[in-house]
């Protein structure tokens, strides 16, 4: 399963999300929304207005969600 975290600089929830994923030993790709206009358009089209946005296969969510991270295998 691939995991992509769309984040922005100085984002407390983004840092918490990436630390939780790393602590669980999960590999993920990190995309900075301030540097990638195409990625920003993609998450905006999904209706998200805050970072981080996490995409895992068919699931996606915004914000720091320990419950969602815990459910990842």
PDB file of N, CA and C in Angstrom:
ATOM      1  N   UNK A   1       0.845  -1.172   0.000  1.00  0.00           N
ATOM      2  CA  UNK A   1       0.000   0.000   0.000  1.00  0.00           C
ATOM      3  C   UNK A   1       0.891   1.236   0.000  1.00  0.00           C
ATOM      4  N   UNK A   2       0.561   2.204  -0.839  1.00  0.00           N
ATOM      5  CA  UNK A   2       1.327   3.439  -0.851  1.00  0.00           C
ATOM      6  C   UNK A   2       0.614   4.479   0.018  1.00  0.00           C
ATOM      7  N   UNK A   3       1.405   5.271   0.706  1.00  0.00           N
ATOM      8  CA  UNK A   3       0.884   6.333   1.563  1.00  0.00           C
ATOM      9  C   UNK A   3       1.528   7.630   1.103  1.00  0.00           C
ATOM     10  N   UNK A   4       0.704   8.643   0.862  1.00  0.00           N
ATOM     11  CA  UNK A   4       1.203   9.962   0.500  1.00  0.00           C
ATOM     12  C   UNK A   4       0.654  10.967   1.501  1.00  0.00           C
ATOM     13  N   UNK A   5       1.539  11.788   2.037  1.00  0.00           N
ATOM     14  CA  UNK A   5       1.155  12.839   2.974  1.00  0.00           C
ATOM     15  C   UNK A   5       1.399  14.177   2.282  1.00  0.00           C
ATOM     16  N   UNK A   6       0.332  14.925   2.086  1.00  0.00           N
ATOM     17  CA  UNK A   6       0.419  16.265   1.518  1.00  0.00           C
ATOM     18  C   UNK A   6       0.464  17.232   2.689  1.00  0.00           C
ATOM     19  N   UNK A   7       1.549  17.992   2.787  1.00  0.00           N
ATOM     20  CA  UNK A   7       1.747  18.833   3.960  1.00  0.00           C
ATOM     21  C   UNK A   7       2.171  20.237   3.557  1.00  0.00           C
ATOM     22  N   UNK A   8       2.406  21.059   4.574  1.00  0.00           N
ATOM     23  CA  UNK A   8       2.947  22.400   4.364  1.00  0.00           C
ATOM     24  C   UNK A   8       3.934  22.690   5.485  1.00  0.00           C
ATOM     25  N   UNK A   9       4.837  23.644   5.276  1.00  0.00           N
ATOM     26  CA  UNK A   9       5.845  23.953   6.295  1.00  0.00           C
ATOM     27  C   UNK A   9       5.207  24.480   7.583  1.00  0.00           C
ATOM     28  N   UNK A  10       5.864  24.226   8.702  1.00  0.00           N
ATOM     29  CA  UNK A  10       5.453  24.722  10.026  1.00  0.00           C
ATOM     30  C   UNK A  10       4.038  24.298  10.393  1.00  0.00           C
ATOM     31  N   UNK A  11       3.666  23.090  10.007  1.00  0.00           N
ATOM     32  CA  UNK A  11       2.322  22.555  10.267  1.00  0.00           C
ATOM     33  C   UNK A  11       2.425  21.515  11.382  1.00  0.00           C
ATOM     34  N   UNK A  12       1.858  21.839  12.538  1.00  0.00           N
ATOM     35  CA  UNK A  12       1.956  20.953  13.700  1.00  0.00           C
ATOM     36  C   UNK A  12       1.277  19.609  13.427  1.00  0.00           C
ATOM     37  N   UNK A  13       0.102  19.628  12.812  1.00  0.00           N
ATOM     38  CA  UNK A  13      -0.601  18.380  12.519  1.00  0.00           C
ATOM     39  C   UNK A  13       0.145  17.551  11.477  1.00  0.00           C
ATOM     40  N   UNK A  14       0.808  18.221  10.540  1.00  0.00           N
ATOM     41  CA  UNK A  14       1.609  17.500   9.537  1.00  0.00           C
ATOM     42  C   UNK A  14       2.765  16.768  10.203  1.00  0.00           C
ATOM     43  N   UNK A  15       3.456  17.466  11.108  1.00  0.00           N
ATOM     44  CA  UNK A  15       4.577  16.862  11.823  1.00  0.00           C
ATOM     45  C   UNK A  15       4.113  15.686  12.666  1.00  0.00           C
ATOM     46  N   UNK A  16       2.994  15.852  13.368  1.00  0.00           N
ATOM     47  CA  UNK A  16       2.467  14.765  14.196  1.00  0.00           C
ATOM     48  C   UNK A  16       2.110  13.556  13.340  1.00  0.00           C
ATOM     49  N   UNK A  17       1.542  13.801  12.167  1.00  0.00           N
ATOM     50  CA  UNK A  17       1.149  12.711  11.273  1.00  0.00           C
ATOM     51  C   UNK A  17       2.366  11.954  10.763  1.00  0.00           C
ATOM     52  N   UNK A  18       3.372  12.677  10.287  1.00  0.00           N
ATOM     53  CA  UNK A  18       4.549  11.994   9.740  1.00  0.00           C
ATOM     54  C   UNK A  18       5.322  11.265  10.841  1.00  0.00           C
ATOM     55  N   UNK A  19       5.367  11.828  12.040  1.00  0.00           N
ATOM     56  CA  UNK A  19       6.040  11.144  13.155  1.00  0.00           C
ATOM     57  C   UNK A  19       5.307   9.867  13.532  1.00  0.00           C
ATOM     58  N   UNK A  20       3.985   9.909  13.546  1.00  0.00           N
ATOM     59  CA  UNK A  20       3.203   8.718  13.895  1.00  0.00           C
ATOM     60  C   UNK A  20       3.378   7.626  12.839  1.00  0.00           C
ATOM     61  N   UNK A  21       3.389   8.015  11.576  1.00  0.00           N
ATOM     62  CA  UNK A  21       3.601   7.028  10.503  1.00  0.00           C
ATOM     63  C   UNK A  21       4.994   6.405  10.622  1.00  0.00           C
ATOM     64  N   UNK A  22       5.992   7.238  10.849  1.00  0.00           N
ATOM     65  CA  UNK A  22       7.369   6.744  10.987  1.00  0.00           C
ATOM     66  C   UNK A  22       7.509   5.847  12.208  1.00  0.00           C
ATOM     67  N   UNK A  23       6.876   6.227  13.317  1.00  0.00           N
ATOM     68  CA  UNK A  23       6.953   5.422  14.535  1.00  0.00           C
ATOM     69  C   UNK A  23       6.347   4.043  14.337  1.00  0.00           C
ATOM     70  N   UNK A  24       5.375   3.962  13.437  1.00  0.00           N
ATOM     71  CA  UNK A  24       4.736   2.692  13.140  1.00  0.00           C
ATOM     72  C   UNK A  24       5.529   1.896  12.093  1.00  0.00           C
ATOM     73  N   UNK A  25       6.583   2.500  11.576  1.00  0.00           N
ATOM     74  CA  UNK A  25       7.418   1.829  10.584  1.00  0.00           C
ATOM     75  C   UNK A  25       6.826   1.836   9.188  1.00  0.00           C
ATOM     76  N   UNK A  26       5.935   2.772   8.920  1.00  0.00           N
ATOM     77  CA  UNK A  26       5.285   2.842   7.610  1.00  0.00           C
ATOM     78  C   UNK A  26       6.031   3.810   6.700  1.00  0.00           C
ATOM     79  N   UNK A  27       6.284   3.375   5.477  1.00  0.00           N
ATOM     80  CA  UNK A  27       6.924   4.230   4.484  1.00  0.00           C
ATOM     81  C   UNK A  27       5.864   5.131   3.858  1.00  0.00           C
ATOM     82  N   UNK A  28       6.253   6.368   3.581  1.00  0.00           N
ATOM     83  CA  UNK A  28       5.313   7.302   2.966  1.00  0.00           C
ATOM     84  C   UNK A  28       6.065   8.304   2.115  1.00  0.00           C
ATOM     85  N   UNK A  29       5.353   8.877   1.152  1.00  0.00           N
ATOM     86  CA  UNK A  29       5.887   9.960   0.335  1.00  0.00           C
ATOM     87  C   UNK A  29       5.360  11.258   0.923  1.00  0.00           C
ATOM     88  N   UNK A  30       6.203  12.265   1.007  1.00  0.00           N
ATOM     89  CA  UNK A  30       5.836  13.554   1.565  1.00  0.00           C
ATOM     90  C   UNK A  30       5.835  14.588   0.438  1.00  0.00           C
ATOM     91  N   UNK A  31       4.715  15.279   0.262  1.00  0.00           N
ATOM     92  CA  UNK A  31       4.582  16.277  -0.792  1.00  0.00           C
ATOM     93  C   UNK A  31       4.254  17.618  -0.142  1.00  0.00           C
ATOM     94  N   UNK A  32       5.060  18.633  -0.438  1.00  0.00           N
ATOM     95  CA  UNK A  32       4.855  19.976   0.099  1.00  0.00           C
ATOM     96  C   UNK A  32       3.862  20.715  -0.796  1.00  0.00           C
ATOM     97  N   UNK A  33       2.712  21.041  -0.241  1.00  0.00           N
ATOM     98  CA  UNK A  33       1.654  21.699  -1.013  1.00  0.00           C
ATOM     99  C   UNK A  33       2.028  23.116  -1.428  1.00  0.00           C
ATOM    100  N   UNK A  34       2.979  23.727  -0.739  1.00  0.00           N
ATOM    101  CA  UNK A  34       3.385  25.081  -1.108  1.00  0.00           C
ATOM    102  C   UNK A  34       4.327  25.083  -2.311  1.00  0.00           C
ATOM    103  N   UNK A  35       4.845  23.910  -2.665  1.00  0.00           N
ATOM    104  CA  UNK A  35       5.781  23.810  -3.787  1.00  0.00           C
ATOM    105  C   UNK A  35       5.244  23.019  -4.968  1.00  0.00           C
ATOM    106  N   UNK A  36       4.058  22.429  -4.830  1.00  0.00           N
ATOM    107  CA  UNK A  36       3.498  21.579  -5.879  1.00  0.00           C
ATOM    108  C   UNK A  36       2.055  21.990  -6.160  1.00  0.00           C
ATOM    109  N   UNK A  37       1.881  22.851  -7.152  1.00  0.00           N
ATOM    110  CA  UNK A  37       0.551  23.385  -7.484  1.00  0.00           C
ATOM    111  C   UNK A  37      -0.402  22.288  -7.929  1.00  0.00           C
ATOM    112  N   UNK A  38       0.112  21.283  -8.615  1.00  0.00           N
ATOM    113  CA  UNK A  38      -0.733  20.171  -9.078  1.00  0.00           C
ATOM    114  C   UNK A  38      -1.267  19.376  -7.885  1.00  0.00           C
ATOM    115  N   UNK A  39      -0.424  19.134  -6.900  1.00  0.00           N
ATOM    116  CA  UNK A  39      -0.861  18.419  -5.693  1.00  0.00           C
ATOM    117  C   UNK A  39      -1.891  19.245  -4.933  1.00  0.00           C
ATOM    118  N   UNK A  40      -1.674  20.552  -4.837  1.00  0.00           N
ATOM    119  CA  UNK A  40      -2.629  21.429  -4.157  1.00  0.00           C
ATOM    120  C   UNK A  40      -3.980  21.389  -4.866  1.00  0.00           C
ATOM    121  N   UNK A  41      -3.975  21.402  -6.179  1.00  0.00           N
ATOM    122  CA  UNK A  41      -5.226  21.322  -6.943  1.00  0.00           C
ATOM    123  C   UNK A  41      -5.930  19.992  -6.692  1.00  0.00           C
ATOM    124  N   UNK A  42      -5.162  18.909  -6.609  1.00  0.00           N
ATOM    125  CA  UNK A  42      -5.722  17.578  -6.388  1.00  0.00           C
ATOM    126  C   UNK A  42      -6.443  17.500  -5.045  1.00  0.00           C
ATOM    127  N   UNK A  43      -5.815  17.972  -3.974  1.00  0.00           N
ATOM    128  CA  UNK A  43      -6.455  17.875  -2.660  1.00  0.00           C
ATOM    129  C   UNK A  43      -7.614  18.866  -2.532  1.00  0.00           C
ATOM    130  N   UNK A  44      -7.504  20.008  -3.197  1.00  0.00           N
ATOM    131  CA  UNK A  44      -8.594  20.982  -3.185  1.00  0.00           C
ATOM    132  C   UNK A  44      -9.821  20.422  -3.900  1.00  0.00           C
ATOM    133  N   UNK A  45      -9.603  19.713  -5.003  1.00  0.00           N
ATOM    134  CA  UNK A  45     -10.716  19.081  -5.734  1.00  0.00           C
ATOM    135  C   UNK A  45     -11.435  18.047  -4.877  1.00  0.00           C
ATOM    136  N   UNK A  46     -10.714  17.433  -3.946  1.00  0.00           N
ATOM    137  CA  UNK A  46     -11.324  16.464  -3.037  1.00  0.00           C
ATOM    138  C   UNK A  46     -12.076  17.151  -1.894  1.00  0.00           C
ATOM    139  N   UNK A  47     -11.985  18.477  -1.827  1.00  0.00           N
ATOM    140  CA  UNK A  47     -12.717  19.230  -0.823  1.00  0.00           C
ATOM    141  C   UNK A  47     -11.929  19.572   0.423  1.00  0.00           C
ATOM    142  N   UNK A  48     -10.636  19.293   0.426  1.00  0.00           N
ATOM    143  CA  UNK A  48      -9.826  19.565   1.612  1.00  0.00           C
ATOM    144  C   UNK A  48      -9.335  21.006   1.610  1.00  0.00           C
ATOM    145  N   UNK A  49      -9.344  21.596   2.823  1.00  0.00           N
ATOM    146  CA  UNK A  49      -8.883  22.974   2.987  1.00  0.00           C
ATOM    147  C   UNK A  49      -7.821  23.090   4.075  1.00  0.00           C
ATOM    148  N   UNK A  50      -7.404  21.951   4.639  1.00  0.00           N
ATOM    149  CA  UNK A  50      -6.368  21.967   5.673  1.00  0.00           C
ATOM    150  C   UNK A  50      -5.368  20.860   5.403  1.00  0.00           C
ATOM    151  N   UNK A  51      -4.196  21.034   5.985  1.00  0.00           N
ATOM    152  CA  UNK A  51      -3.155  20.014   5.865  1.00  0.00           C
ATOM    153  C   UNK A  51      -2.969  19.380   7.243  1.00  0.00           C
ATOM    154  N   UNK A  52      -2.468  18.181   7.279  1.00  0.00           N
ATOM    155  CA  UNK A  52      -2.081  17.353   6.147  1.00  0.00           C
ATOM    156  C   UNK A  52      -3.283  16.645   5.532  1.00  0.00           C
ATOM    157  N   UNK A  53      -3.114  16.253   4.294  1.00  0.00           N
ATOM    158  CA  UNK A  53      -4.054  15.344   3.652  1.00  0.00           C
ATOM    159  C   UNK A  53      -3.282  14.052   3.423  1.00  0.00           C
ATOM    160  N   UNK A  54      -3.834  12.952   3.925  1.00  0.00           N
ATOM    161  CA  UNK A  54      -3.171  11.653   3.808  1.00  0.00           C
ATOM    162  C   UNK A  54      -3.978  10.790   2.850  1.00  0.00           C
ATOM    163  N   UNK A  55      -3.294  10.207   1.870  1.00  0.00           N
ATOM    164  CA  UNK A  55      -3.941   9.298   0.918  1.00  0.00           C
ATOM    165  C   UNK A  55      -3.300   7.934   1.037  1.00  0.00           C
ATOM    166  N   UNK A  56      -4.157   6.919   1.230  1.00  0.00           N
ATOM    167  CA  UNK A  56      -3.693   5.539   1.360  1.00  0.00           C
ATOM    168  C   UNK A  56      -4.598   4.664   0.520  1.00  0.00           C
ATOM    169  N   UNK A  57      -4.164   4.314  -0.656  1.00  0.00           N
ATOM    170  CA  UNK A  57      -5.006   3.477  -1.509  1.00  0.00           C
ATOM    171  C   UNK A  57      -6.326   4.172  -1.815  1.00  0.00           C
ATOM    172  N   UNK A  58      -7.435   3.582  -1.369  1.00  0.00           N
ATOM    173  CA  UNK A  58      -8.751   4.148  -1.642  1.00  0.00           C
ATOM    174  C   UNK A  58      -9.229   5.092  -0.553  1.00  0.00           C
ATOM    175  N   UNK A  59      -8.486   5.230   0.536  1.00  0.00           N
ATOM    176  CA  UNK A  59      -8.908   6.059   1.662  1.00  0.00           C
ATOM    177  C   UNK A  59      -8.103   7.354   1.688  1.00  0.00           C
ATOM    178  N   UNK A  60      -8.699   8.405   2.200  1.00  0.00           N
ATOM    179  CA  UNK A  60      -7.982   9.661   2.407  1.00  0.00           C
ATOM    180  C   UNK A  60      -8.671  10.449   3.503  1.00  0.00           C
ATOM    181  N   UNK A  61      -7.868  11.272   4.182  1.00  0.00           N
ATOM    182  CA  UNK A  61      -8.401  12.103   5.260  1.00  0.00           C
ATOM    183  C   UNK A  61      -7.501  13.314   5.448  1.00  0.00           C
ATOM    184  N   UNK A  62      -8.006  14.283   6.222  1.00  0.00           N
ATOM    185  CA  UNK A  62      -7.241  15.482   6.537  1.00  0.00           C
ATOM    186  C   UNK A  62      -7.050  15.583   8.040  1.00  0.00           C
ATOM    187  N   UNK A  63      -5.947  16.225   8.422  1.00  0.00           N
ATOM    188  CA  UNK A  63      -5.660  16.438   9.832  1.00  0.00           C
ATOM    189  C   UNK A  63      -4.931  15.256  10.447  1.00  0.00           C
ATOM    190  N   UNK A  64      -4.539  15.428  11.696  1.00  0.00           N
ATOM    191  CA  UNK A  64      -3.859  14.355  12.431  1.00  0.00           C
ATOM    192  C   UNK A  64      -4.919  13.400  12.951  1.00  0.00           C
ATOM    193  N   UNK A  65      -4.904  12.177  12.424  1.00  0.00           N
ATOM    194  CA  UNK A  65      -5.915  11.169  12.770  1.00  0.00           C
ATOM    195  C   UNK A  65      -5.230   9.905  13.292  1.00  0.00           C
ATOM    196  N   UNK A  66      -4.912   9.865  14.590  1.00  0.00           N
ATOM    197  CA  UNK A  66      -4.251   8.680  15.146  1.00  0.00           C
ATOM    198  C   UNK A  66      -5.066   7.408  14.939  1.00  0.00           C
ATOM    199  N   UNK A  67      -6.396   7.523  14.932  1.00  0.00           N
ATOM    200  CA  UNK A  67      -7.238   6.347  14.713  1.00  0.00           C
ATOM    201  C   UNK A  67      -7.033   5.759  13.322  1.00  0.00           C
ATOM    202  N   UNK A  68      -6.927   6.621  12.319  1.00  0.00           N
ATOM    203  CA  UNK A  68      -6.706   6.150  10.946  1.00  0.00           C
ATOM    204  C   UNK A  68      -5.306   5.572  10.795  1.00  0.00           C
ATOM    205  N   UNK A  69      -4.316   6.217  11.409  1.00  0.00           N
ATOM    206  CA  UNK A  69      -2.942   5.731  11.325  1.00  0.00           C
ATOM    207  C   UNK A  69      -2.817   4.377  12.009  1.00  0.00           C
ATOM    208  N   UNK A  70      -3.468   4.203  13.159  1.00  0.00           N
ATOM    209  CA  UNK A  70      -3.431   2.939  13.890  1.00  0.00           C
ATOM    210  C   UNK A  70      -4.045   1.806  13.073  1.00  0.00           C
ATOM    211  N   UNK A  71      -5.006   2.121  12.216  1.00  0.00           N
ATOM    212  CA  UNK A  71      -5.684   1.096  11.421  1.00  0.00           C
ATOM    213  C   UNK A  71      -4.862   0.654  10.207  1.00  0.00           C
ATOM    214  N   UNK A  72      -3.791   1.382   9.885  1.00  0.00           N
ATOM    215  CA  UNK A  72      -2.967   1.012   8.731  1.00  0.00           C
ATOM    216  C   UNK A  72      -2.106  -0.188   9.070  1.00  0.00           C
ATOM    217  N   UNK A  73      -1.986  -1.086   8.106  1.00  0.00           N
ATOM    218  CA  UNK A  73      -1.178  -2.301   8.317  1.00  0.00           C
ATOM    219  C   UNK A  73       0.258  -2.074   7.915  1.00  0.00           C
TER     220      UNK A  73
END
